[in-house]
Amino acid sequence: MRVHYEYEPEGVCTKLITFDIEDGKIYGLRFLNGCPGNLAAISKLLEGYDAEKAMGLLMGNRCGHRTTSCADQLAIAIAHAMTSEAACRKAS
């Protein structure tokens, strides 16, 4: 089953990250605002990609002087999604 997630990142230009996870894979990744070329490329590269691998790859990436980046915020969003997905499985 495909589950939709929305995440409001902090400390970056992107205002909203949305994506779906199905069978542990990322689909339909979209960023609202931010660097359009880079974020469109990330969205294309991660389509159908393993969510846990993406999280590990992106976690900790920084943007210039900031302590985070859109990629890092995506990793945090995926972590939240995976945690809520695991909680839902336990509740079932």
N, C-alpha and C. Protein backbone atom coordinates (compact mmCIF):
# COMPACT_ATOMS: atom_id res chain seq x y z
N MET A 1 0.84 -1.18 0.00
CA MET A 1 0.00 0.00 0.00
C MET A 1 0.89 1.25 0.00
N ARG A 2 0.58 2.18 -0.83
CA ARG A 2 1.32 3.44 -0.94
C ARG A 2 0.78 4.42 0.10
N VAL A 3 1.69 5.02 0.88
CA VAL A 3 1.30 5.97 1.92
C VAL A 3 1.94 7.32 1.60
N HIS A 4 1.15 8.38 1.69
CA HIS A 4 1.60 9.73 1.37
C HIS A 4 2.09 10.43 2.63
N TYR A 5 3.20 11.16 2.49
CA TYR A 5 3.77 11.91 3.61
C TYR A 5 4.01 13.35 3.20
N GLU A 6 3.84 14.25 4.15
CA GLU A 6 4.16 15.67 3.96
C GLU A 6 4.99 16.11 5.15
N TYR A 7 6.04 16.89 4.87
CA TYR A 7 6.95 17.32 5.91
C TYR A 7 7.31 18.78 5.69
N GLU A 8 7.23 19.58 6.75
CA GLU A 8 7.62 20.99 6.70
C GLU A 8 9.04 21.11 7.23
N PRO A 9 10.01 21.30 6.33
CA PRO A 9 11.41 21.35 6.76
C PRO A 9 11.74 22.63 7.51
N GLU A 10 12.87 22.60 8.21
CA GLU A 10 13.33 23.75 8.98
C GLU A 10 14.71 24.17 8.52
N GLY A 11 14.95 25.48 8.44
CA GLY A 11 16.27 26.00 8.16
C GLY A 11 16.72 25.95 6.71
N VAL A 12 15.77 25.73 5.78
CA VAL A 12 16.10 25.66 4.35
C VAL A 12 15.08 26.46 3.55
N CYS A 13 15.35 26.66 2.27
CA CYS A 13 14.46 27.42 1.39
C CYS A 13 13.17 26.66 1.07
N THR A 14 13.27 25.34 1.00
CA THR A 14 12.10 24.51 0.71
C THR A 14 11.09 24.65 1.85
N LYS A 15 9.84 24.84 1.50
CA LYS A 15 8.78 25.02 2.50
C LYS A 15 8.00 23.75 2.79
N LEU A 16 8.00 22.80 1.85
CA LEU A 16 7.25 21.57 2.03
C LEU A 16 7.89 20.47 1.19
N ILE A 17 8.01 19.29 1.78
CA ILE A 17 8.48 18.10 1.06
C ILE A 17 7.36 17.08 1.11
N THR A 18 6.96 16.58 -0.05
CA THR A 18 5.92 15.55 -0.10
C THR A 18 6.46 14.35 -0.87
N PHE A 19 6.03 13.17 -0.46
CA PHE A 19 6.45 11.94 -1.13
C PHE A 19 5.56 10.80 -0.65
N ASP A 20 5.62 9.70 -1.39
CA ASP A 20 4.92 8.49 -1.02
C ASP A 20 5.97 7.41 -0.75
N ILE A 21 5.61 6.47 0.12
CA ILE A 21 6.43 5.28 0.33
C ILE A 21 5.54 4.07 0.11
N GLU A 22 6.04 3.17 -0.71
CA GLU A 22 5.37 1.90 -0.96
C GLU A 22 6.43 0.81 -0.99
N ASP A 23 6.23 -0.22 -0.20
CA ASP A 23 7.18 -1.33 -0.12
C ASP A 23 8.60 -0.84 0.15
N GLY A 24 8.72 0.19 1.00
CA GLY A 24 10.02 0.70 1.39
C GLY A 24 10.72 1.55 0.34
N LYS A 25 9.99 1.93 -0.72
CA LYS A 25 10.57 2.72 -1.81
C LYS A 25 9.87 4.08 -1.90
N ILE A 26 10.63 5.08 -2.40
CA ILE A 26 10.14 6.45 -2.50
C ILE A 26 9.52 6.70 -3.88
N TYR A 27 8.37 7.35 -3.89
CA TYR A 27 7.70 7.71 -5.15
C TYR A 27 7.13 9.12 -5.03
N GLY A 28 7.05 9.83 -6.16
CA GLY A 28 6.36 11.12 -6.24
C GLY A 28 6.97 12.20 -5.36
N LEU A 29 8.28 12.20 -5.20
CA LEU A 29 8.95 13.18 -4.35
C LEU A 29 8.84 14.57 -4.97
N ARG A 30 8.40 15.54 -4.16
CA ARG A 30 8.25 16.92 -4.61
C ARG A 30 8.71 17.87 -3.52
N PHE A 31 9.30 18.97 -3.93
CA PHE A 31 9.75 20.03 -3.03
C PHE A 31 9.03 21.32 -3.42
N LEU A 32 8.53 22.06 -2.45
CA LEU A 32 7.91 23.36 -2.69
C LEU A 32 8.96 24.42 -2.37
N ASN A 33 9.36 25.19 -3.39
CA ASN A 33 10.43 26.19 -3.31
C ASN A 33 11.79 25.49 -3.25
N GLY A 34 12.82 26.28 -3.04
CA GLY A 34 14.17 25.74 -3.03
C GLY A 34 14.83 25.88 -4.39
N CYS A 35 15.95 25.22 -4.59
CA CYS A 35 16.72 25.27 -5.85
C CYS A 35 16.08 24.31 -6.85
N PRO A 36 15.31 24.82 -7.81
CA PRO A 36 14.49 23.95 -8.66
C PRO A 36 15.28 22.89 -9.43
N GLY A 37 16.41 23.25 -10.00
CA GLY A 37 17.16 22.27 -10.78
C GLY A 37 17.69 21.14 -9.93
N ASN A 38 18.31 21.48 -8.82
CA ASN A 38 18.87 20.46 -7.93
C ASN A 38 17.78 19.57 -7.33
N LEU A 39 16.70 20.17 -6.90
CA LEU A 39 15.65 19.40 -6.25
C LEU A 39 14.88 18.54 -7.25
N ALA A 40 14.72 19.02 -8.47
CA ALA A 40 14.10 18.19 -9.51
C ALA A 40 14.98 16.99 -9.81
N ALA A 41 16.30 17.20 -9.82
CA ALA A 41 17.24 16.10 -10.07
C ALA A 41 17.16 15.08 -8.94
N ILE A 42 17.14 15.55 -7.69
CA ILE A 42 17.02 14.63 -6.55
C ILE A 42 15.74 13.83 -6.66
N SER A 43 14.65 14.49 -7.02
CA SER A 43 13.36 13.79 -7.15
C SER A 43 13.43 12.70 -8.20
N LYS A 44 14.05 12.97 -9.33
CA LYS A 44 14.17 11.97 -10.40
C LYS A 44 15.08 10.82 -9.97
N LEU A 45 16.19 11.15 -9.33
CA LEU A 45 17.15 10.12 -8.92
C LEU A 45 16.58 9.18 -7.87
N LEU A 46 15.72 9.70 -7.01
CA LEU A 46 15.19 8.88 -5.91
C LEU A 46 13.88 8.18 -6.23
N GLU A 47 13.32 8.39 -7.40
CA GLU A 47 12.06 7.73 -7.78
C GLU A 47 12.27 6.21 -7.78
N GLY A 48 11.53 5.52 -6.92
CA GLY A 48 11.63 4.07 -6.81
C GLY A 48 12.83 3.59 -5.99
N TYR A 49 13.57 4.52 -5.38
CA TYR A 49 14.77 4.20 -4.62
C TYR A 49 14.40 3.75 -3.20
N ASP A 50 15.21 2.89 -2.64
CA ASP A 50 14.99 2.39 -1.29
C ASP A 50 15.05 3.55 -0.28
N ALA A 51 14.01 3.70 0.52
CA ALA A 51 13.89 4.84 1.44
C ALA A 51 15.01 4.84 2.48
N GLU A 52 15.33 3.69 3.05
CA GLU A 52 16.38 3.63 4.07
C GLU A 52 17.74 3.97 3.49
N LYS A 53 18.02 3.51 2.28
CA LYS A 53 19.29 3.84 1.64
C LYS A 53 19.37 5.33 1.34
N ALA A 54 18.27 5.91 0.87
CA ALA A 54 18.23 7.35 0.59
C ALA A 54 18.47 8.14 1.87
N MET A 55 17.85 7.72 2.95
CA MET A 55 18.01 8.39 4.23
C MET A 55 19.48 8.38 4.65
N GLY A 56 20.13 7.25 4.57
CA GLY A 56 21.53 7.14 4.94
C GLY A 56 22.44 7.97 4.05
N LEU A 57 22.11 8.04 2.77
CA LEU A 57 22.91 8.79 1.81
C LEU A 57 22.81 10.30 2.02
N LEU A 58 21.63 10.77 2.37
CA LEU A 58 21.36 12.21 2.43
C LEU A 58 21.55 12.83 3.81
N MET A 59 21.46 12.03 4.87
CA MET A 59 21.54 12.54 6.23
C MET A 59 22.87 13.26 6.47
N GLY A 60 22.79 14.48 6.99
CA GLY A 60 23.98 15.22 7.35
C GLY A 60 24.54 16.13 6.27
N ASN A 61 23.98 16.09 5.05
CA ASN A 61 24.44 17.00 4.00
C ASN A 61 24.10 18.43 4.40
N ARG A 62 25.02 19.34 4.15
CA ARG A 62 24.83 20.74 4.51
C ARG A 62 24.76 21.60 3.26
N CYS A 63 24.13 22.76 3.42
CA CYS A 63 24.03 23.75 2.34
C CYS A 63 24.77 25.01 2.78
N GLY A 64 25.94 25.22 2.21
CA GLY A 64 26.71 26.41 2.55
C GLY A 64 27.00 26.50 4.03
N HIS A 65 26.67 27.62 4.63
CA HIS A 65 26.92 27.86 6.05
C HIS A 65 25.86 27.25 6.97
N ARG A 66 24.79 26.74 6.38
CA ARG A 66 23.70 26.18 7.18
C ARG A 66 24.10 24.84 7.78
N THR A 67 23.47 24.48 8.86
CA THR A 67 23.74 23.18 9.50
C THR A 67 22.92 22.06 8.88
N THR A 68 22.10 22.39 7.90
CA THR A 68 21.24 21.41 7.24
C THR A 68 21.14 21.78 5.75
N SER A 69 20.37 21.01 5.01
CA SER A 69 20.12 21.27 3.59
C SER A 69 18.78 20.65 3.25
N CYS A 70 18.32 20.89 2.03
CA CYS A 70 17.06 20.26 1.60
C CYS A 70 17.21 18.74 1.59
N ALA A 71 18.39 18.26 1.18
CA ALA A 71 18.63 16.81 1.17
C ALA A 71 18.62 16.26 2.60
N ASP A 72 19.24 16.95 3.53
CA ASP A 72 19.25 16.53 4.93
C ASP A 72 17.84 16.55 5.50
N GLN A 73 17.07 17.59 5.17
CA GLN A 73 15.69 17.66 5.63
C GLN A 73 14.84 16.54 5.03
N LEU A 74 15.13 16.15 3.80
CA LEU A 74 14.45 15.00 3.20
C LEU A 74 14.78 13.74 3.99
N ALA A 75 16.03 13.57 4.37
CA ALA A 75 16.42 12.40 5.16
C ALA A 75 15.66 12.37 6.48
N ILE A 76 15.52 13.52 7.11
CA ILE A 76 14.75 13.62 8.35
C ILE A 76 13.28 13.28 8.10
N ALA A 77 12.73 13.76 6.99
CA ALA A 77 11.34 13.46 6.64
C ALA A 77 11.15 11.96 6.42
N ILE A 78 12.10 11.33 5.75
CA ILE A 78 12.03 9.88 5.52
C ILE A 78 12.09 9.14 6.86
N ALA A 79 12.98 9.59 7.75
CA ALA A 79 13.09 8.96 9.07
C ALA A 79 11.75 9.05 9.81
N HIS A 80 11.10 10.21 9.77
CA HIS A 80 9.78 10.37 10.40
C HIS A 80 8.77 9.42 9.76
N ALA A 81 8.80 9.34 8.44
CA ALA A 81 7.85 8.47 7.72
C ALA A 81 8.07 7.01 8.08
N MET A 82 9.33 6.60 8.13
CA MET A 82 9.64 5.20 8.44
C MET A 82 9.24 4.87 9.88
N THR A 83 9.41 5.83 10.79
CA THR A 83 9.02 5.63 12.18
C THR A 83 7.51 5.49 12.29
N SER A 84 6.77 6.36 11.59
CA SER A 84 5.30 6.28 11.66
C SER A 84 4.79 5.03 10.97
N GLU A 85 5.47 4.62 9.91
CA GLU A 85 5.09 3.39 9.20
C GLU A 85 5.29 2.18 10.10
N ALA A 86 6.41 2.15 10.83
CA ALA A 86 6.69 1.04 11.75
C ALA A 86 5.67 1.02 12.87
N ALA A 87 5.29 2.20 13.37
CA ALA A 87 4.29 2.29 14.43
C ALA A 87 2.93 1.77 13.95
N CYS A 88 2.60 2.08 12.70
CA CYS A 88 1.32 1.60 12.14
C CYS A 88 1.33 0.09 12.01
N ARG A 89 2.48 -0.48 11.60
CA ARG A 89 2.57 -1.94 11.48
C ARG A 89 2.41 -2.62 12.83
N LYS A 90 2.98 -2.00 13.89
CA LYS A 90 2.86 -2.58 15.23
C LYS A 90 1.42 -2.54 15.72
N ALA A 91 0.71 -1.46 15.39
CA ALA A 91 -0.67 -1.27 15.82
C ALA A 91 -1.62 -2.23 15.12
N SER A 92 -1.25 -2.71 13.96
CA SER A 92 -2.14 -3.59 13.19
C SER A 92 -2.22 -4.98 13.78
